Amino acid sequence: MLLLIATAAEPVTGDACAPPDAVGVVRTQVLLQKLDFWVRSPDYLAWELLVEYEAHPDDPALWQLARTILSSDEPDVRRYPMLRHRFGAFEQMDEALSMLIERSMVTKRHTPRGGQVGQHDYYLRARGRQVADTIVRHEPDLSWYVERTQTVVSLFKGLSPSGVKNRQYLQGDYADTPVGSYIVSITEQARGRLEELRPSAPGRSR
């Protein structure tokens, strides 16, 4: 969770609600939940890489990364299923966040909106940035989490929280998962799509 917040955080310039030592912020629980889903669901991340490759066939690195994921045991051993909630993938974050909050790495702020639920923002503090940077540089055992958080944030950079949520609903199996059920695996579907989109050899038409 710390790596995801540190990677996805945007500047806090001009934010009166930010803690004095804040160095970045992730706006809304929706965004954090949806990015977390792709980190925890390698099969769905591979699918999104293939969607991007289909739109940008001049970037074969997208297909290659999807192939790396789907040809390994990652979709099985790295997959942590999330429940389909009313607004999509959802997992209680309080336990993971409480550890970061207690150690002065992250601060969570809630902004009420009249009678509505309001917005949760997650501020990365200087201590959190220091620890995240240490993990990136000096903890090779955690390299998978570093790489995957970077891939997910880069892939969906520029989308609004609602845009990220809507992107997930474009995948049929995700959208069709009943509320209250775990979101189903699409590993085999993604492997089939991988083969359909396999780049042609140089000099041959696709």
N, C-alpha and C. Protein backbone atom coordinates (compact mmCIF):
# COMPACT_ATOMS: atom_id res chain seq x y z
N MET A 1 0.82 -1.19 0.00
CA MET A 1 0.00 0.00 0.00
C MET A 1 0.87 1.26 0.00
N LEU A 2 1.95 1.23 0.78
CA LEU A 2 2.84 2.39 0.80
C LEU A 2 3.44 2.65 -0.57
N LEU A 3 3.90 1.59 -1.24
CA LEU A 3 4.47 1.76 -2.57
C LEU A 3 3.45 2.32 -3.55
N LEU A 4 2.22 1.85 -3.46
CA LEU A 4 1.18 2.33 -4.37
C LEU A 4 0.89 3.80 -4.14
N ILE A 5 0.76 4.20 -2.88
CA ILE A 5 0.51 5.61 -2.57
C ILE A 5 1.69 6.47 -3.00
N ALA A 6 2.90 6.00 -2.72
CA ALA A 6 4.09 6.77 -3.08
C ALA A 6 4.22 6.93 -4.59
N THR A 7 3.86 5.91 -5.34
CA THR A 7 3.98 5.96 -6.80
C THR A 7 2.88 6.80 -7.43
N ALA A 8 1.68 6.72 -6.88
CA ALA A 8 0.53 7.41 -7.48
C ALA A 8 0.35 8.84 -6.97
N ALA A 9 1.05 9.23 -5.92
CA ALA A 9 0.83 10.54 -5.30
C ALA A 9 1.11 11.69 -6.26
N GLU A 10 0.24 12.69 -6.20
CA GLU A 10 0.42 13.92 -6.98
C GLU A 10 0.85 15.04 -6.04
N PRO A 11 1.33 16.17 -6.56
CA PRO A 11 1.80 17.26 -5.68
C PRO A 11 0.68 17.81 -4.81
N VAL A 12 1.06 18.35 -3.66
CA VAL A 12 0.09 18.91 -2.72
C VAL A 12 0.10 20.43 -2.70
N THR A 13 0.73 21.05 -3.67
CA THR A 13 0.86 22.50 -3.72
C THR A 13 -0.49 23.19 -3.56
N GLY A 14 -0.55 24.11 -2.59
CA GLY A 14 -1.77 24.89 -2.39
C GLY A 14 -2.88 24.16 -1.67
N ASP A 15 -2.62 22.99 -1.13
CA ASP A 15 -3.62 22.19 -0.44
C ASP A 15 -3.60 22.55 1.05
N ALA A 16 -4.61 23.28 1.50
CA ALA A 16 -4.66 23.73 2.89
C ALA A 16 -4.91 22.59 3.87
N CYS A 17 -5.40 21.46 3.38
CA CYS A 17 -5.70 20.32 4.25
C CYS A 17 -4.50 19.41 4.46
N ALA A 18 -3.43 19.64 3.73
CA ALA A 18 -2.29 18.75 3.78
C ALA A 18 -1.51 18.90 5.09
N PRO A 19 -1.02 17.80 5.65
CA PRO A 19 -0.13 17.89 6.82
C PRO A 19 1.12 18.70 6.44
N PRO A 20 1.76 19.33 7.41
CA PRO A 20 2.93 20.16 7.11
C PRO A 20 4.05 19.42 6.39
N ASP A 21 4.20 18.12 6.67
CA ASP A 21 5.29 17.37 6.05
C ASP A 21 4.82 16.52 4.87
N ALA A 22 3.64 16.80 4.34
CA ALA A 22 3.11 16.04 3.20
C ALA A 22 3.95 16.32 1.95
N VAL A 23 4.24 15.26 1.21
CA VAL A 23 5.02 15.39 -0.03
C VAL A 23 4.23 14.93 -1.25
N GLY A 24 3.01 14.47 -1.04
CA GLY A 24 2.16 14.03 -2.14
C GLY A 24 0.82 13.57 -1.62
N VAL A 25 -0.14 13.37 -2.52
CA VAL A 25 -1.48 12.96 -2.13
C VAL A 25 -2.12 12.12 -3.22
N VAL A 26 -2.86 11.10 -2.81
CA VAL A 26 -3.72 10.33 -3.71
C VAL A 26 -5.15 10.75 -3.41
N ARG A 27 -5.82 11.30 -4.41
CA ARG A 27 -7.17 11.83 -4.22
C ARG A 27 -8.20 10.71 -4.40
N THR A 28 -8.99 10.49 -3.42
CA THR A 28 -10.16 9.61 -3.36
C THR A 28 -9.81 8.15 -3.10
N GLN A 29 -10.67 7.53 -2.32
CA GLN A 29 -10.57 6.10 -2.05
C GLN A 29 -10.84 5.30 -3.32
N VAL A 30 -11.70 5.83 -4.18
CA VAL A 30 -12.02 5.14 -5.44
C VAL A 30 -10.74 4.87 -6.24
N LEU A 31 -9.92 5.91 -6.41
CA LEU A 31 -8.71 5.75 -7.19
C LEU A 31 -7.77 4.74 -6.55
N LEU A 32 -7.57 4.84 -5.25
CA LEU A 32 -6.66 3.93 -4.57
C LEU A 32 -7.15 2.48 -4.65
N GLN A 33 -8.46 2.28 -4.47
CA GLN A 33 -9.02 0.93 -4.55
C GLN A 33 -8.83 0.33 -5.95
N LYS A 34 -9.08 1.13 -6.97
CA LYS A 34 -9.02 0.60 -8.33
C LYS A 34 -7.58 0.30 -8.76
N LEU A 35 -6.64 1.17 -8.38
CA LEU A 35 -5.24 0.87 -8.69
C LEU A 35 -4.78 -0.37 -7.94
N ASP A 36 -5.20 -0.51 -6.70
CA ASP A 36 -4.86 -1.67 -5.90
C ASP A 36 -5.39 -2.95 -6.55
N PHE A 37 -6.56 -2.88 -7.16
CA PHE A 37 -7.12 -4.05 -7.84
C PHE A 37 -6.19 -4.56 -8.93
N TRP A 38 -5.65 -3.67 -9.74
CA TRP A 38 -4.78 -4.10 -10.84
C TRP A 38 -3.45 -4.66 -10.33
N VAL A 39 -2.95 -4.13 -9.22
CA VAL A 39 -1.73 -4.70 -8.64
C VAL A 39 -2.01 -6.12 -8.15
N ARG A 40 -3.17 -6.32 -7.55
CA ARG A 40 -3.53 -7.61 -6.96
C ARG A 40 -4.11 -8.59 -7.96
N SER A 41 -4.34 -8.16 -9.19
CA SER A 41 -4.98 -9.01 -10.20
C SER A 41 -4.14 -9.02 -11.48
N PRO A 42 -3.05 -9.78 -11.52
CA PRO A 42 -2.18 -9.78 -12.69
C PRO A 42 -2.90 -10.13 -13.99
N ASP A 43 -3.93 -10.98 -13.92
CA ASP A 43 -4.65 -11.34 -15.14
C ASP A 43 -5.38 -10.13 -15.73
N TYR A 44 -5.98 -9.32 -14.87
CA TYR A 44 -6.67 -8.12 -15.36
C TYR A 44 -5.67 -7.07 -15.82
N LEU A 45 -4.52 -6.99 -15.17
CA LEU A 45 -3.49 -6.05 -15.62
C LEU A 45 -2.99 -6.46 -17.00
N ALA A 46 -2.75 -7.75 -17.20
CA ALA A 46 -2.31 -8.23 -18.52
C ALA A 46 -3.35 -7.90 -19.59
N TRP A 47 -4.62 -8.07 -19.24
CA TRP A 47 -5.70 -7.73 -20.18
C TRP A 47 -5.63 -6.27 -20.58
N GLU A 48 -5.42 -5.38 -19.60
CA GLU A 48 -5.35 -3.95 -19.90
C GLU A 48 -4.12 -3.61 -20.73
N LEU A 49 -3.03 -4.30 -20.49
CA LEU A 49 -1.85 -4.11 -21.34
C LEU A 49 -2.15 -4.48 -22.79
N LEU A 50 -2.93 -5.54 -22.98
CA LEU A 50 -3.30 -5.94 -24.33
C LEU A 50 -4.28 -4.97 -24.97
N VAL A 51 -5.16 -4.39 -24.16
CA VAL A 51 -6.06 -3.35 -24.68
C VAL A 51 -5.23 -2.18 -25.18
N GLU A 52 -4.22 -1.78 -24.41
CA GLU A 52 -3.35 -0.68 -24.81
C GLU A 52 -2.54 -1.05 -26.05
N TYR A 53 -2.08 -2.29 -26.11
CA TYR A 53 -1.31 -2.72 -27.28
C TYR A 53 -2.16 -2.71 -28.54
N GLU A 54 -3.42 -3.14 -28.40
CA GLU A 54 -4.30 -3.13 -29.57
C GLU A 54 -4.51 -1.70 -30.08
N ALA A 55 -4.56 -0.75 -29.16
CA ALA A 55 -4.73 0.65 -29.54
C ALA A 55 -3.42 1.26 -30.04
N HIS A 56 -2.29 0.70 -29.59
CA HIS A 56 -0.98 1.24 -29.96
C HIS A 56 -0.05 0.10 -30.38
N PRO A 57 -0.31 -0.52 -31.53
CA PRO A 57 0.48 -1.69 -31.97
C PRO A 57 1.93 -1.38 -32.28
N ASP A 58 2.29 -0.09 -32.29
CA ASP A 58 3.68 0.28 -32.51
C ASP A 58 4.51 0.17 -31.22
N ASP A 59 3.89 -0.27 -30.14
CA ASP A 59 4.59 -0.41 -28.86
C ASP A 59 4.53 -1.88 -28.42
N PRO A 60 5.37 -2.74 -28.99
CA PRO A 60 5.32 -4.17 -28.67
C PRO A 60 5.71 -4.48 -27.22
N ALA A 61 6.30 -3.51 -26.52
CA ALA A 61 6.66 -3.75 -25.12
C ALA A 61 5.41 -4.03 -24.28
N LEU A 62 4.27 -3.48 -24.68
CA LEU A 62 3.02 -3.74 -23.96
C LEU A 62 2.64 -5.22 -24.08
N TRP A 63 2.74 -5.75 -25.30
CA TRP A 63 2.43 -7.17 -25.52
C TRP A 63 3.44 -8.05 -24.78
N GLN A 64 4.70 -7.66 -24.83
CA GLN A 64 5.74 -8.46 -24.18
C GLN A 64 5.54 -8.54 -22.67
N LEU A 65 5.14 -7.43 -22.06
CA LEU A 65 4.92 -7.45 -20.62
C LEU A 65 3.70 -8.31 -20.28
N ALA A 66 2.65 -8.19 -21.09
CA ALA A 66 1.49 -9.07 -20.88
C ALA A 66 1.89 -10.53 -21.01
N ARG A 67 2.73 -10.84 -21.98
CA ARG A 67 3.21 -12.22 -22.16
C ARG A 67 4.02 -12.68 -20.95
N THR A 68 4.88 -11.81 -20.44
CA THR A 68 5.69 -12.15 -19.27
C THR A 68 4.79 -12.53 -18.09
N ILE A 69 3.74 -11.76 -17.89
CA ILE A 69 2.81 -12.03 -16.79
C ILE A 69 2.07 -13.34 -17.00
N LEU A 70 1.53 -13.52 -18.20
CA LEU A 70 0.64 -14.65 -18.46
C LEU A 70 1.39 -15.97 -18.68
N SER A 71 2.67 -15.91 -19.01
CA SER A 71 3.43 -17.14 -19.20
C SER A 71 4.10 -17.61 -17.92
N SER A 72 3.91 -16.84 -16.85
CA SER A 72 4.48 -17.20 -15.55
C SER A 72 3.38 -17.70 -14.62
N ASP A 73 3.75 -17.98 -13.38
CA ASP A 73 2.74 -18.39 -12.40
C ASP A 73 2.16 -17.19 -11.66
N GLU A 74 2.49 -15.99 -12.13
CA GLU A 74 2.03 -14.77 -11.47
C GLU A 74 0.51 -14.68 -11.32
N PRO A 75 -0.27 -15.02 -12.35
CA PRO A 75 -1.73 -14.92 -12.19
C PRO A 75 -2.28 -15.83 -11.09
N ASP A 76 -1.52 -16.85 -10.71
CA ASP A 76 -1.97 -17.75 -9.64
C ASP A 76 -1.40 -17.35 -8.28
N VAL A 77 -0.09 -17.19 -8.21
CA VAL A 77 0.54 -16.97 -6.91
C VAL A 77 0.49 -15.53 -6.45
N ARG A 78 0.29 -14.58 -7.38
CA ARG A 78 0.26 -13.16 -7.02
C ARG A 78 -1.16 -12.59 -7.00
N ARG A 79 -2.14 -13.41 -7.29
CA ARG A 79 -3.51 -12.92 -7.35
C ARG A 79 -4.16 -12.95 -5.97
N TYR A 80 -4.68 -11.80 -5.54
CA TYR A 80 -5.40 -11.69 -4.28
C TYR A 80 -6.80 -11.18 -4.61
N PRO A 81 -7.78 -12.09 -4.72
CA PRO A 81 -9.12 -11.72 -5.19
C PRO A 81 -9.76 -10.62 -4.34
N MET A 82 -10.49 -9.74 -5.02
CA MET A 82 -11.23 -8.67 -4.35
C MET A 82 -12.71 -8.87 -4.60
N LEU A 83 -13.52 -8.44 -3.66
CA LEU A 83 -14.96 -8.53 -3.81
C LEU A 83 -15.48 -7.49 -4.78
N ARG A 84 -16.52 -7.84 -5.50
CA ARG A 84 -17.25 -6.87 -6.32
C ARG A 84 -18.24 -6.17 -5.40
N HIS A 85 -18.03 -4.88 -5.21
CA HIS A 85 -18.87 -4.06 -4.36
C HIS A 85 -19.83 -3.29 -5.26
N ARG A 86 -20.66 -2.48 -4.64
CA ARG A 86 -21.63 -1.68 -5.40
C ARG A 86 -20.95 -0.83 -6.46
N PHE A 87 -19.74 -0.32 -6.14
CA PHE A 87 -19.03 0.54 -7.08
C PHE A 87 -17.76 -0.13 -7.62
N GLY A 88 -17.77 -1.45 -7.66
CA GLY A 88 -16.65 -2.17 -8.24
C GLY A 88 -15.78 -2.83 -7.19
N ALA A 89 -14.54 -3.16 -7.59
CA ALA A 89 -13.62 -3.86 -6.72
C ALA A 89 -13.42 -3.10 -5.42
N PHE A 90 -13.46 -3.84 -4.30
CA PHE A 90 -13.37 -3.19 -3.00
C PHE A 90 -12.70 -4.12 -1.99
N GLU A 91 -11.87 -3.53 -1.16
CA GLU A 91 -11.23 -4.25 -0.07
C GLU A 91 -11.03 -3.28 1.08
N GLN A 92 -11.35 -3.72 2.29
CA GLN A 92 -11.10 -2.87 3.44
C GLN A 92 -9.62 -2.54 3.55
N MET A 93 -9.29 -1.25 3.64
CA MET A 93 -7.89 -0.83 3.68
C MET A 93 -7.46 -0.39 5.07
N ASP A 94 -8.38 -0.38 6.01
CA ASP A 94 -8.10 0.22 7.31
C ASP A 94 -6.90 -0.41 8.01
N GLU A 95 -6.79 -1.74 7.95
CA GLU A 95 -5.69 -2.40 8.66
C GLU A 95 -4.34 -2.02 8.08
N ALA A 96 -4.23 -2.09 6.75
CA ALA A 96 -2.96 -1.74 6.10
C ALA A 96 -2.63 -0.27 6.30
N LEU A 97 -3.63 0.58 6.18
CA LEU A 97 -3.40 2.01 6.33
C LEU A 97 -3.07 2.39 7.76
N SER A 98 -3.68 1.70 8.72
CA SER A 98 -3.45 2.05 10.12
C SER A 98 -1.97 1.90 10.49
N MET A 99 -1.31 0.89 9.93
CA MET A 99 0.11 0.70 10.19
C MET A 99 0.92 1.87 9.65
N LEU A 100 0.56 2.34 8.46
CA LEU A 100 1.27 3.47 7.86
C LEU A 100 0.98 4.77 8.61
N ILE A 101 -0.26 4.91 9.06
CA ILE A 101 -0.65 6.12 9.80
C ILE A 101 0.05 6.17 11.15
N GLU A 102 0.09 5.04 11.84
CA GLU A 102 0.73 4.98 13.15
C GLU A 102 2.22 5.31 13.07
N ARG A 103 2.84 4.99 11.96
CA ARG A 103 4.27 5.23 11.79
C ARG A 103 4.56 6.55 11.08
N SER A 104 3.55 7.41 11.00
CA SER A 104 3.71 8.76 10.43
C SER A 104 4.19 8.75 8.99
N MET A 105 3.78 7.73 8.23
CA MET A 105 4.12 7.66 6.81
C MET A 105 3.00 8.19 5.93
N VAL A 106 1.77 8.01 6.37
CA VAL A 106 0.60 8.42 5.60
C VAL A 106 -0.42 9.07 6.56
N THR A 107 -1.14 10.06 6.05
CA THR A 107 -2.26 10.65 6.78
C THR A 107 -3.50 10.57 5.91
N LYS A 108 -4.58 10.12 6.49
CA LYS A 108 -5.86 10.02 5.77
C LYS A 108 -6.77 11.16 6.22
N ARG A 109 -7.34 11.87 5.27
CA ARG A 109 -8.24 12.98 5.59
C ARG A 109 -9.59 12.76 4.89
N HIS A 110 -10.66 13.05 5.62
CA HIS A 110 -12.00 12.91 5.07
C HIS A 110 -12.64 14.28 4.94
N THR A 111 -13.16 14.56 3.76
CA THR A 111 -13.84 15.82 3.50
C THR A 111 -15.32 15.54 3.29
N PRO A 112 -16.20 15.91 4.25
CA PRO A 112 -17.64 15.67 4.09
C PRO A 112 -18.22 16.48 2.94
N ARG A 113 -19.28 15.96 2.36
CA ARG A 113 -19.99 16.67 1.28
C ARG A 113 -21.47 16.65 1.59
N GLY A 114 -21.89 17.55 2.46
CA GLY A 114 -23.30 17.59 2.83
C GLY A 114 -23.72 16.29 3.46
N GLY A 115 -24.78 15.70 2.95
CA GLY A 115 -25.27 14.44 3.47
C GLY A 115 -24.65 13.24 2.80
N GLN A 116 -23.69 13.46 1.89
CA GLN A 116 -23.06 12.37 1.16
C GLN A 116 -21.83 11.84 1.91
N VAL A 117 -21.29 10.76 1.39
CA VAL A 117 -20.15 10.12 2.05
C VAL A 117 -18.94 11.04 2.08
N GLY A 118 -18.74 11.82 1.06
CA GLY A 118 -17.58 12.70 1.00
C GLY A 118 -16.38 12.03 0.36
N GLN A 119 -15.23 12.63 0.55
CA GLN A 119 -14.02 12.16 -0.13
C GLN A 119 -12.91 11.88 0.86
N HIS A 120 -12.21 10.75 0.65
CA HIS A 120 -11.03 10.42 1.42
C HIS A 120 -9.80 10.70 0.58
N ASP A 121 -8.86 11.43 1.16
CA ASP A 121 -7.58 11.68 0.50
C ASP A 121 -6.47 11.08 1.35
N TYR A 122 -5.41 10.63 0.69
CA TYR A 122 -4.33 9.91 1.36
C TYR A 122 -3.02 10.66 1.12
N TYR A 123 -2.52 11.29 2.18
CA TYR A 123 -1.33 12.12 2.07
C TYR A 123 -0.07 11.30 2.40
N LEU A 124 0.87 11.33 1.47
CA LEU A 124 2.17 10.71 1.71
C LEU A 124 3.04 11.71 2.45
N ARG A 125 3.56 11.30 3.61
CA ARG A 125 4.39 12.18 4.41
C ARG A 125 5.87 11.92 4.14
N ALA A 126 6.72 12.82 4.61
CA ALA A 126 8.15 12.72 4.30
C ALA A 126 8.73 11.38 4.74
N ARG A 127 8.31 10.89 5.89
CA ARG A 127 8.79 9.59 6.37
C ARG A 127 8.36 8.47 5.43
N GLY A 128 7.14 8.55 4.92
CA GLY A 128 6.66 7.55 3.98
C GLY A 128 7.46 7.55 2.69
N ARG A 129 7.78 8.74 2.18
CA ARG A 129 8.59 8.84 0.97
C ARG A 129 9.97 8.24 1.20
N GLN A 130 10.55 8.51 2.36
CA GLN A 130 11.87 7.98 2.68
C GLN A 130 11.86 6.45 2.70
N VAL A 131 10.85 5.87 3.34
CA VAL A 131 10.77 4.42 3.43
C VAL A 131 10.52 3.81 2.04
N ALA A 132 9.61 4.42 1.27
CA ALA A 132 9.33 3.92 -0.08
C ALA A 132 10.57 3.96 -0.95
N ASP A 133 11.33 5.04 -0.88
CA ASP A 133 12.56 5.15 -1.67
C ASP A 133 13.59 4.09 -1.24
N THR A 134 13.65 3.81 0.05
CA THR A 134 14.56 2.78 0.54
C THR A 134 14.18 1.42 -0.01
N ILE A 135 12.87 1.13 -0.05
CA ILE A 135 12.40 -0.14 -0.61
C ILE A 135 12.79 -0.26 -2.07
N VAL A 136 12.57 0.80 -2.83
CA VAL A 136 12.87 0.78 -4.26
C VAL A 136 14.36 0.53 -4.51
N ARG A 137 15.20 1.13 -3.69
CA ARG A 137 16.64 1.08 -3.94
C ARG A 137 17.35 -0.12 -3.30
N HIS A 138 16.83 -0.57 -2.16
CA HIS A 138 17.64 -1.51 -1.37
C HIS A 138 16.91 -2.79 -0.95
N GLU A 139 15.73 -3.04 -1.47
CA GLU A 139 15.00 -4.24 -1.06
C GLU A 139 14.63 -5.08 -2.29
N PRO A 140 15.58 -5.84 -2.84
CA PRO A 140 15.31 -6.62 -4.06
C PRO A 140 14.19 -7.64 -3.89
N ASP A 141 13.95 -8.10 -2.67
CA ASP A 141 12.88 -9.08 -2.45
C ASP A 141 11.50 -8.48 -2.71
N LEU A 142 11.43 -7.16 -2.71
CA LEU A 142 10.14 -6.49 -2.95
C LEU A 142 10.07 -5.88 -4.35
N SER A 143 10.98 -6.30 -5.22
CA SER A 143 11.05 -5.69 -6.56
C SER A 143 9.77 -5.91 -7.36
N TRP A 144 9.10 -7.06 -7.15
CA TRP A 144 7.86 -7.30 -7.90
C TRP A 144 6.83 -6.23 -7.59
N TYR A 145 6.68 -5.87 -6.33
CA TYR A 145 5.71 -4.85 -5.94
C TYR A 145 6.10 -3.48 -6.50
N VAL A 146 7.38 -3.20 -6.50
CA VAL A 146 7.86 -1.94 -7.07
C VAL A 146 7.51 -1.87 -8.55
N GLU A 147 7.83 -2.92 -9.28
CA GLU A 147 7.59 -2.93 -10.73
C GLU A 147 6.11 -2.87 -11.06
N ARG A 148 5.30 -3.63 -10.32
CA ARG A 148 3.88 -3.67 -10.65
C ARG A 148 3.17 -2.36 -10.30
N THR A 149 3.52 -1.74 -9.17
CA THR A 149 2.89 -0.46 -8.85
C THR A 149 3.28 0.59 -9.89
N GLN A 150 4.51 0.56 -10.33
CA GLN A 150 4.95 1.51 -11.36
C GLN A 150 4.22 1.27 -12.67
N THR A 151 4.05 0.00 -13.04
CA THR A 151 3.34 -0.32 -14.29
C THR A 151 1.89 0.14 -14.23
N VAL A 152 1.22 -0.16 -13.13
CA VAL A 152 -0.20 0.20 -13.00
C VAL A 152 -0.38 1.71 -13.04
N VAL A 153 0.40 2.43 -12.26
CA VAL A 153 0.24 3.89 -12.21
C VAL A 153 0.56 4.51 -13.56
N SER A 154 1.61 4.03 -14.22
CA SER A 154 1.97 4.56 -15.53
C SER A 154 0.89 4.29 -16.57
N LEU A 155 0.31 3.10 -16.53
CA LEU A 155 -0.68 2.69 -17.53
C LEU A 155 -1.94 3.55 -17.46
N PHE A 156 -2.32 3.94 -16.25
CA PHE A 156 -3.59 4.67 -16.08
C PHE A 156 -3.39 6.11 -15.67
N LYS A 157 -2.18 6.60 -15.81
CA LYS A 157 -1.86 7.99 -15.47
C LYS A 157 -2.69 8.95 -16.32
N GLY A 158 -3.26 9.95 -15.70
CA GLY A 158 -4.05 10.94 -16.43
C GLY A 158 -5.54 10.69 -16.38
N LEU A 159 -5.96 9.46 -16.00
CA LEU A 159 -7.39 9.19 -15.85
C LEU A 159 -7.88 9.69 -14.50
N SER A 160 -9.08 10.24 -14.48
CA SER A 160 -9.70 10.65 -13.22
C SER A 160 -10.11 9.41 -12.44
N PRO A 161 -10.40 9.56 -11.13
CA PRO A 161 -10.87 8.40 -10.37
C PRO A 161 -12.08 7.72 -11.02
N SER A 162 -13.04 8.52 -11.50
CA SER A 162 -14.20 7.91 -12.15
C SER A 162 -13.81 7.28 -13.48
N GLY A 163 -12.82 7.86 -14.16
CA GLY A 163 -12.35 7.29 -15.41
C GLY A 163 -11.68 5.94 -15.20
N VAL A 164 -10.92 5.82 -14.11
CA VAL A 164 -10.29 4.55 -13.77
C VAL A 164 -11.36 3.51 -13.45
N LYS A 165 -12.36 3.91 -12.67
CA LYS A 165 -13.45 2.99 -12.32
C LYS A 165 -14.18 2.53 -13.58
N ASN A 166 -14.49 3.46 -14.47
CA ASN A 166 -15.21 3.11 -15.69
C ASN A 166 -14.39 2.20 -16.59
N ARG A 167 -13.08 2.37 -16.57
CA ARG A 167 -12.20 1.53 -17.39
C ARG A 167 -12.33 0.07 -16.96
N GLN A 168 -12.44 -0.17 -15.68
CA GLN A 168 -12.56 -1.55 -15.21
C GLN A 168 -13.87 -2.19 -15.68
N TYR A 169 -14.93 -1.40 -15.73
CA TYR A 169 -16.23 -1.94 -16.13
C TYR A 169 -16.29 -2.30 -17.62
N LEU A 170 -15.29 -1.89 -18.40
CA LEU A 170 -15.27 -2.26 -19.81
C LEU A 170 -14.92 -3.74 -19.99
N GLN A 171 -14.34 -4.35 -18.97
CA GLN A 171 -14.03 -5.78 -19.04
C GLN A 171 -15.28 -6.55 -18.62
N GLY A 172 -15.80 -7.37 -19.52
CA GLY A 172 -17.10 -8.01 -19.32
C GLY A 172 -17.19 -8.90 -18.09
N ASP A 173 -16.17 -9.71 -17.84
CA ASP A 173 -16.21 -10.62 -16.69
C ASP A 173 -16.22 -9.84 -15.38
N TYR A 174 -15.50 -8.75 -15.35
CA TYR A 174 -15.48 -7.88 -14.17
C TYR A 174 -16.88 -7.29 -13.95
N ALA A 175 -17.44 -6.72 -15.01
CA ALA A 175 -18.74 -6.06 -14.91
C ALA A 175 -19.85 -7.03 -14.56
N ASP A 176 -19.72 -8.28 -14.99
CA ASP A 176 -20.79 -9.28 -14.77
C ASP A 176 -20.67 -10.01 -13.44
N THR A 177 -19.60 -9.78 -12.70
CA THR A 177 -19.47 -10.42 -11.39
C THR A 177 -20.55 -9.88 -10.45
N PRO A 178 -21.36 -10.75 -9.84
CA PRO A 178 -22.43 -10.27 -8.96
C PRO A 178 -21.86 -9.51 -7.76
N VAL A 179 -22.59 -8.49 -7.34
CA VAL A 179 -22.21 -7.73 -6.16
C VAL A 179 -22.13 -8.67 -4.96
N GLY A 180 -21.07 -8.57 -4.19
CA GLY A 180 -20.87 -9.43 -3.03
C GLY A 180 -20.07 -10.69 -3.33
N SER A 181 -19.74 -10.92 -4.61
CA SER A 181 -18.95 -12.08 -4.99
C SER A 181 -17.52 -11.66 -5.31
N TYR A 182 -16.58 -12.62 -5.22
CA TYR A 182 -15.22 -12.32 -5.62
C TYR A 182 -15.14 -12.19 -7.13
N ILE A 183 -14.38 -11.23 -7.59
CA ILE A 183 -14.22 -10.99 -9.02
C ILE A 183 -13.46 -12.16 -9.63
N VAL A 184 -14.04 -12.72 -10.68
CA VAL A 184 -13.53 -13.97 -11.25
C VAL A 184 -12.21 -13.77 -11.98
N SER A 185 -11.44 -14.86 -12.06
CA SER A 185 -10.19 -14.83 -12.81
C SER A 185 -10.47 -14.83 -14.32
N ILE A 186 -9.61 -14.12 -15.06
CA ILE A 186 -9.74 -14.12 -16.53
C ILE A 186 -8.41 -14.55 -17.17
N THR A 187 -7.65 -15.35 -16.45
CA THR A 187 -6.33 -15.73 -16.95
C THR A 187 -6.41 -16.41 -18.31
N GLU A 188 -7.30 -17.38 -18.47
CA GLU A 188 -7.38 -18.10 -19.74
C GLU A 188 -7.87 -17.20 -20.86
N GLN A 189 -8.84 -16.34 -20.56
CA GLN A 189 -9.31 -15.39 -21.57
C GLN A 189 -8.17 -14.47 -22.00
N ALA A 190 -7.38 -14.02 -21.05
CA ALA A 190 -6.27 -13.12 -21.37
C ALA A 190 -5.21 -13.84 -22.20
N ARG A 191 -4.96 -15.12 -21.89
CA ARG A 191 -3.98 -15.87 -22.68
C ARG A 191 -4.46 -16.06 -24.11
N GLY A 192 -5.76 -16.27 -24.28
CA GLY A 192 -6.30 -16.37 -25.62
C GLY A 192 -6.17 -15.06 -26.38
N ARG A 193 -6.42 -13.96 -25.69
CA ARG A 193 -6.29 -12.64 -26.32
C ARG A 193 -4.84 -12.36 -26.67
N LEU A 194 -3.93 -12.82 -25.83
CA LEU A 194 -2.50 -12.64 -26.08
C LEU A 194 -2.12 -13.27 -27.41
N GLU A 195 -2.60 -14.48 -27.65
CA GLU A 195 -2.28 -15.16 -28.90
C GLU A 195 -2.92 -14.48 -30.10
N GLU A 196 -4.13 -13.99 -29.93
CA GLU A 196 -4.80 -13.28 -31.02
C GLU A 196 -4.02 -12.05 -31.46
N LEU A 197 -3.38 -11.41 -30.50
CA LEU A 197 -2.69 -10.15 -30.78
C LEU A 197 -1.18 -10.33 -30.96
N ARG A 198 -0.72 -11.57 -31.03
CA ARG A 198 0.72 -11.82 -31.16
C ARG A 198 1.29 -11.01 -32.32
N PRO A 199 2.36 -10.24 -32.06
CA PRO A 199 2.94 -9.44 -33.15
C PRO A 199 3.46 -10.35 -34.27
N SER A 200 3.33 -9.88 -35.49
CA SER A 200 3.84 -10.63 -36.62
C SER A 200 5.35 -10.51 -36.69
N ALA A 201 5.96 -11.49 -37.33
CA ALA A 201 7.40 -11.42 -37.56
C ALA A 201 7.72 -10.26 -38.48
N PRO A 202 8.91 -9.67 -38.39
CA PRO A 202 9.27 -8.56 -39.27
C PRO A 202 9.08 -8.92 -40.74
N GLY A 203 8.46 -7.99 -41.44
CA GLY A 203 8.26 -8.19 -42.87
C GLY A 203 6.99 -8.93 -43.23
N ARG A 204 6.23 -9.37 -42.19
CA ARG A 204 4.98 -10.08 -42.44
C ARG A 204 3.83 -9.24 -41.96
N SER A 205 2.69 -9.36 -42.59
CA SER A 205 1.51 -8.62 -42.18
C SER A 205 0.85 -9.33 -41.02
N ARG A 206 0.16 -8.55 -40.17
CA ARG A 206 -0.56 -9.15 -39.05
C ARG A 206 -1.83 -9.79 -39.50
